[in-house]
C-alpha atoms as a PDB file:
ATOM      1  CA  MET A   1       0.041   0.076  -0.013  1.00  0.00           C
ATOM      2  CA  LYS A   2       1.265   3.465  -0.722  1.00  0.00           C
ATOM      3  CA  ILE A   3       0.359   6.491   1.214  1.00  0.00           C
ATOM      4  CA  SER A   4       1.271  10.013   1.298  1.00  0.00           C
ATOM      5  CA  ILE A   5       1.731  12.175   4.524  1.00  0.00           C
ATOM      6  CA  ILE A   6       1.738  15.934   4.710  1.00  0.00           C
ATOM      7  CA  GLY A   7       2.941  17.299   7.965  1.00  0.00           C
ATOM      8  CA  ASN A   8       4.195  15.855  11.164  1.00  0.00           C
ATOM      9  CA  SER A   9       2.465  12.510  11.761  1.00  0.00           C
ATOM     10  CA  ASN A  10       4.608   9.760  13.233  1.00  0.00           C
ATOM     11  CA  SER A  11       1.512   7.400  13.386  1.00  0.00           C
ATOM     12  CA  PHE A  12       2.514   5.399  10.397  1.00  0.00           C
ATOM     13  CA  ASN A  13       6.247   4.961  11.200  1.00  0.00           C
ATOM     14  CA  ASN A  14       6.020   1.315  11.978  1.00  0.00           C
ATOM     15  CA  LEU A  15       3.894   0.389   8.906  1.00  0.00           C
ATOM     16  CA  ASP A  16       4.799  -1.906   6.108  1.00  0.00           C
ATOM     17  CA  CYS A  17       3.897   0.776   3.669  1.00  0.00           C
ATOM     18  CA  ASP A  18       5.628   2.891   0.897  1.00  0.00           C
ATOM     19  CA  ILE A  19       5.216   6.256   2.408  1.00  0.00           C
ATOM     20  CA  PHE A  20       5.981   9.669   0.770  1.00  0.00           C
ATOM     21  CA  ARG A  21       6.363  12.432   3.314  1.00  0.00           C
ATOM     22  CA  ILE A  22       6.406  16.074   2.816  1.00  0.00           C
ATOM     23  CA  ASP A  23       6.335  19.100   4.969  1.00  0.00           C
ATOM     24  CA  VAL A  24       3.456  21.694   4.644  1.00  0.00           C
ATOM     25  CA  PRO A  25       3.590  23.104   1.239  1.00  0.00           C
ATOM     26  CA  THR A  26       4.920  26.507   0.536  1.00  0.00           C
ATOM     27  CA  SER A  27       4.815  28.423  -2.693  1.00  0.00           C
ATOM     28  CA  ASP A  28       6.739  25.485  -4.491  1.00  0.00           C
ATOM     29  CA  LEU A  29       4.105  22.967  -5.082  1.00  0.00           C
ATOM     30  CA  THR A  30       6.399  20.382  -6.689  1.00  0.00           C
ATOM     31  CA  GLU A  31       6.432  17.992  -3.619  1.00  0.00           C
ATOM     32  CA  LEU A  32       2.633  18.279  -3.091  1.00  0.00           C
ATOM     33  CA  GLN A  33       2.077  17.149  -6.699  1.00  0.00           C
ATOM     34  CA  GLU A  34       4.618  14.305  -5.995  1.00  0.00           C
ATOM     35  CA  ALA A  35       2.646  13.306  -2.879  1.00  0.00           C
ATOM     36  CA  ILE A  36      -0.524  13.247  -4.948  1.00  0.00           C
ATOM     37  CA  ASN A  37       1.017  11.219  -7.780  1.00  0.00           C
ATOM     38  CA  HIS A  38       2.461   8.810  -5.213  1.00  0.00           C
ATOM     39  CA  SER A  39      -0.867   7.716  -3.679  1.00  0.00           C
ATOM     40  CA  ASN A  40      -4.364   8.392  -3.819  1.00  0.00           C
ATOM     41  CA  LEU A  41      -4.449   8.291   0.044  1.00  0.00           C
ATOM     42  CA  LEU A  42      -3.093  11.628   1.421  1.00  0.00           C
ATOM     43  CA  PHE A  43      -3.005  12.086   5.193  1.00  0.00           C
ATOM     44  CA  ILE A  44      -2.635  15.719   6.477  1.00  0.00           C
ATOM     45  CA  SER A  45      -1.439  16.053   9.983  1.00  0.00           C
ATOM     46  CA  THR A  46      -0.387  19.485  10.983  1.00  0.00           C
ATOM     47  CA  ASP A  47       0.078  21.328  14.257  1.00  0.00           C
ATOM     48  CA  GLU A  48      -2.409  24.101  14.595  1.00  0.00           C
ATOM     49  CA  SER A  49      -2.195  27.038  17.177  1.00  0.00           C
ATOM     50  CA  LEU A  50      -4.224  29.819  18.673  1.00  0.00           C
ATOM     51  CA  ASN A  51      -4.533  33.248  17.271  1.00  0.00           C
ATOM     52  CA  SER A  52      -3.440  36.114  19.306  1.00  0.00           C
ATOM     53  CA  ASP A  53      -7.068  36.706  20.514  1.00  0.00           C
ATOM     54  CA  GLY A  54      -7.086  33.115  21.845  1.00  0.00           C
ATOM     55  CA  SER A  55      -9.308  31.743  18.929  1.00  0.00           C
ATOM     56  CA  TYR A  56      -8.383  28.430  17.245  1.00  0.00           C
ATOM     57  CA  SER A  57      -6.303  28.809  14.002  1.00  0.00           C
ATOM     58  CA  HIS A  58      -6.643  26.546  10.924  1.00  0.00           C
ATOM     59  CA  GLY A  59      -3.812  28.574   9.342  1.00  0.00           C
ATOM     60  CA  VAL A  60      -1.672  25.642   8.409  1.00  0.00           C
ATOM     61  CA  LEU A  61      -4.504  23.475   7.062  1.00  0.00           C
ATOM     62  CA  ASN A  62      -5.773  26.491   5.119  1.00  0.00           C
ATOM     63  CA  ARG A  63      -2.473  26.621   3.326  1.00  0.00           C
ATOM     64  CA  VAL A  64      -2.669  22.956   2.508  1.00  0.00           C
ATOM     65  CA  PHE A  65      -6.197  23.348   0.966  1.00  0.00           C
ATOM     66  CA  LYS A  66      -5.249  26.490  -0.913  1.00  0.00           C
ATOM     67  CA  SER A  67      -2.166  24.670  -2.445  1.00  0.00           C
ATOM     68  CA  LEU A  68      -4.588  21.726  -3.512  1.00  0.00           C
ATOM     69  CA  SER A  69      -6.888  24.271  -5.071  1.00  0.00           C
ATOM     70  CA  ILE A  70      -3.888  25.936  -6.981  1.00  0.00           C
ATOM     71  CA  LEU A  71      -2.562  22.564  -8.107  1.00  0.00           C
ATOM     72  CA  ALA A  72      -6.064  21.836  -9.562  1.00  0.00           C
ATOM     73  CA  ASP A  73      -6.176  25.216 -11.226  1.00  0.00           C
ATOM     74  CA  GLU A  74      -2.804  24.727 -12.826  1.00  0.00           C
ATOM     75  CA  HIS A  75      -2.890  21.018 -13.706  1.00  0.00           C
ATOM     76  CA  GLY A  76      -6.613  20.368 -13.924  1.00  0.00           C
ATOM     77  CA  VAL A  77      -8.600  17.816 -12.121  1.00  0.00           C
ATOM     78  CA  ASN A  78      -6.942  14.656 -10.874  1.00  0.00           C
ATOM     79  CA  GLU A  79      -7.697  11.718 -13.101  1.00  0.00           C
ATOM     80  CA  GLN A  80      -7.645   9.313 -10.006  1.00  0.00           C
ATOM     81  CA  LYS A  81      -9.872  10.306  -7.093  1.00  0.00           C
ATOM     82  CA  THR A  82      -7.614  11.353  -4.206  1.00  0.00           C
ATOM     83  CA  HIS A  83      -8.752  10.613  -0.555  1.00  0.00           C
ATOM     84  CA  ILE A  84      -7.724  13.306   1.811  1.00  0.00           C
ATOM     85  CA  VAL A  85      -7.623  12.226   5.527  1.00  0.00           C
ATOM     86  CA  ILE A  86      -7.311  15.131   8.051  1.00  0.00           C
ATOM     87  CA  CYS A  87      -5.670  14.032  11.286  1.00  0.00           C
ATOM     88  CA  SER A  88      -5.423  17.437  12.803  1.00  0.00           C
ATOM     89  CA  THR A  89      -7.938  18.921  15.341  1.00  0.00           C
ATOM     90  CA  VAL A  90     -10.489  21.120  13.837  1.00  0.00           C
ATOM     91  CA  MET A  91     -13.419  23.198  14.833  1.00  0.00           C
ATOM     92  CA  PRO A  92     -16.862  22.022  14.068  1.00  0.00           C
ATOM     93  CA  GLY A  93     -18.032  23.162  10.569  1.00  0.00           C
ATOM     94  CA  TYR A  94     -14.456  23.282   9.156  1.00  0.00           C
ATOM     95  CA  ILE A  95     -14.451  20.284   7.104  1.00  0.00           C
ATOM     96  CA  GLN A  96     -17.703  21.101   5.270  1.00  0.00           C
ATOM     97  CA  LEU A  97     -16.054  24.488   4.432  1.00  0.00           C
ATOM     98  CA  GLN A  98     -13.219  22.713   2.747  1.00  0.00           C
ATOM     99  CA  ILE A  99     -15.493  20.138   0.788  1.00  0.00           C
ATOM    100  CA  ASP A 100     -17.399  23.148  -0.641  1.00  0.00           C
ATOM    101  CA  LYS A 101     -14.178  24.560  -1.952  1.00  0.00           C
ATOM    102  CA  LEU A 102     -12.819  21.235  -3.376  1.00  0.00           C
ATOM    103  CA  LYS A 103     -16.004  19.578  -4.629  1.00  0.00           C
ATOM    104  CA  ASN A 104     -15.305  19.791  -8.248  1.00  0.00           C
ATOM    105  CA  ILE A 105     -11.584  18.557  -8.411  1.00  0.00           C
ATOM    106  CA  ASN A 106     -11.975  14.997  -7.572  1.00  0.00           C
ATOM    107  CA  TYR A 107     -10.915  14.954  -3.911  1.00  0.00           C
ATOM    108  CA  THR A 108     -12.972  13.286  -0.984  1.00  0.00           C
ATOM    109  CA  ILE A 109     -12.244  14.379   2.581  1.00  0.00           C
ATOM    110  CA  THR A 110     -12.433  12.031   5.651  1.00  0.00           C
ATOM    111  CA  TYR A 111     -11.817  13.334   9.190  1.00  0.00           C
ATOM    112  CA  ASN A 112      -9.613  11.190  11.303  1.00  0.00           C
ATOM    113  CA  PRO A 113      -8.377  12.905  14.421  1.00  0.00           C
ATOM    114  CA  ILE A 114      -8.238   9.956  16.794  1.00  0.00           C
ATOM    115  CA  MET A 115      -6.306   6.646  16.478  1.00  0.00           C
ATOM    116  CA  THR A 116      -6.048   4.924  19.922  1.00  0.00           C
ATOM    117  CA  SER A 117      -5.230   1.353  20.748  1.00  0.00           C
ATOM    118  CA  LYS A 118      -9.014   0.915  21.431  1.00  0.00           C
ATOM    119  CA  PHE A 119     -10.658   2.685  18.397  1.00  0.00           C
ATOM    120  CA  ILE A 120     -10.386   4.958  15.462  1.00  0.00           C
ATOM    121  CA  LEU A 121     -12.512   7.900  14.786  1.00  0.00           C
ATOM    122  CA  LEU A 122     -13.854   8.704  11.276  1.00  0.00           C
ATOM    123  CA  GLY A 123     -15.916  11.703  10.331  1.00  0.00           C
ATOM    124  CA  GLU A 124     -17.229  10.878   6.853  1.00  0.00           C
ATOM    125  CA  GLY A 125     -19.054  12.585   4.102  1.00  0.00           C
ATOM    126  CA  ASP A 126     -18.239  10.153   1.361  1.00  0.00           C
ATOM    127  CA  LYS A 127     -19.148   6.565   2.089  1.00  0.00           C
ATOM    128  CA  GLU A 128     -16.910   4.963  -0.479  1.00  0.00           C
ATOM    129  CA  ALA A 129     -13.779   6.980   0.901  1.00  0.00           C
ATOM    130  CA  ALA A 130     -14.679   6.090   4.567  1.00  0.00           C
ATOM    131  CA  ASP A 131     -15.050   2.353   3.490  1.00  0.00           C
ATOM    132  CA  PHE A 132     -11.659   2.398   1.812  1.00  0.00           C
ATOM    133  CA  LEU A 133     -10.128   4.025   4.865  1.00  0.00           C
ATOM    134  CA  GLU A 134     -11.626   1.623   7.269  1.00  0.00           C
ATOM    135  CA  SER A 135     -10.501  -1.382   5.187  1.00  0.00           C
ATOM    136  CA  PHE A 136      -7.018   0.147   5.071  1.00  0.00           C
ATOM    137  CA  TYR A 137      -7.050   0.450   8.888  1.00  0.00           C
ATOM    138  CA  LYS A 138      -8.266  -2.987   9.398  1.00  0.00           C
ATOM    139  CA  SER A 139      -5.615  -4.347   7.250  1.00  0.00           C
ATOM    140  CA  VAL A 140      -2.911  -2.545   9.215  1.00  0.00           C
ATOM    141  CA  PHE A 141      -4.186  -2.715  12.841  1.00  0.00           C
ATOM    142  CA  GLY A 142      -6.416  -5.885  12.663  1.00  0.00           C
ATOM    143  CA  ASP A 143      -9.838  -5.898  14.269  1.00  0.00           C
ATOM    144  CA  ILE A 144     -10.029  -2.456  15.802  1.00  0.00           C
ATOM    145  CA  GLU A 145     -13.191  -0.663  16.418  1.00  0.00           C
ATOM    146  CA  ILE A 146     -14.013   1.972  13.897  1.00  0.00           C
ATOM    147  CA  LYS A 147     -16.451   4.835  15.065  1.00  0.00           C
ATOM    148  CA  ARG A 148     -17.940   6.426  12.044  1.00  0.00           C
ATOM    149  CA  PHE A 149     -20.025   9.722  12.178  1.00  0.00           C
ATOM    150  CA  ASN A 150     -20.659  12.526  10.008  1.00  0.00           C
ATOM    151  CA  TYR A 151     -18.029  15.415   9.911  1.00  0.00           C
ATOM    152  CA  TYR A 152     -19.670  17.789  12.323  1.00  0.00           C
ATOM    153  CA  SER A 153     -20.420  15.061  14.896  1.00  0.00           C
ATOM    154  CA  ALA A 154     -16.960  13.677  14.576  1.00  0.00           C
ATOM    155  CA  GLU A 155     -15.477  17.189  15.072  1.00  0.00           C
ATOM    156  CA  ILE A 156     -17.555  17.760  18.276  1.00  0.00           C
ATOM    157  CA  TYR A 157     -16.702  14.197  19.519  1.00  0.00           C
ATOM    158  CA  LYS A 158     -13.018  14.876  19.220  1.00  0.00           C
ATOM    159  CA  LEU A 159     -13.441  18.110  21.092  1.00  0.00           C
ATOM    160  CA  LEU A 160     -15.390  16.493  23.946  1.00  0.00           C
ATOM    161  CA  LEU A 161     -13.142  13.537  24.112  1.00  0.00           C
ATOM    162  CA  GLY A 162     -10.200  15.961  24.454  1.00  0.00           C
ATOM    163  CA  THR A 163     -11.919  17.753  27.170  1.00  0.00           C
ATOM    164  CA  LEU A 164     -12.821  14.634  29.163  1.00  0.00           C
ATOM    165  CA  VAL A 165      -9.241  13.291  29.077  1.00  0.00           C
ATOM    166  CA  ALA A 166      -7.973  16.730  30.094  1.00  0.00           C
ATOM    167  CA  ASN A 167     -10.407  16.844  33.160  1.00  0.00           C
ATOM    168  CA  GLU A 168      -9.467  13.338  33.999  1.00  0.00           C
ATOM    169  CA  LYS A 169      -5.783  14.347  34.254  1.00  0.00           C
ATOM    170  CA  TYR A 170      -6.622  17.545  36.194  1.00  0.00           C
ATOM    171  CA  ILE A 171      -8.649  15.524  38.717  1.00  0.00           C
ATOM    172  CA  GLU A 172      -5.986  12.907  39.037  1.00  0.00           C
ATOM    173  CA  LEU A 173      -3.449  15.732  39.659  1.00  0.00           C
ATOM    174  CA  PHE A 174      -5.383  17.549  42.418  1.00  0.00           C
ATOM    175  CA  THR A 175      -6.941  14.760  44.222  1.00  0.00           C
END
């Protein structure tokens, strides 16, 4: 299996896969085009930060999606459908905004912010793409539970689970 990874994910280091890794694209989109050519499964894992006013920033992901749009404008629509898997935390509603921007250039998006030893969380909008990703994960990790939701529910689930884990650690620390 061939996969491409944009960003800093170490989740696939021990896999027996042909992995093509790149940093977040800059103005030179050659590596991004190579990543798309390498595999139709493109994982995006970026570190997002807070804006100066404390709000959440999708700045790095926005750069990736802008680069994908520029490539489509310059090279035309991909002949082969590319499945984009977002592994970064996003705020509710973000994925749908990206889909609206990429809908005519042969990309699908699946949200996959959680991979634990117990389960994998998928936010899906395209059943075929989520089925493909689920079969990939089962071939790699065996019989692991896959929790599938729509995008918005998965975005909220990720934030709530993160809050729960942080609260549990806080309670342990002070009790």
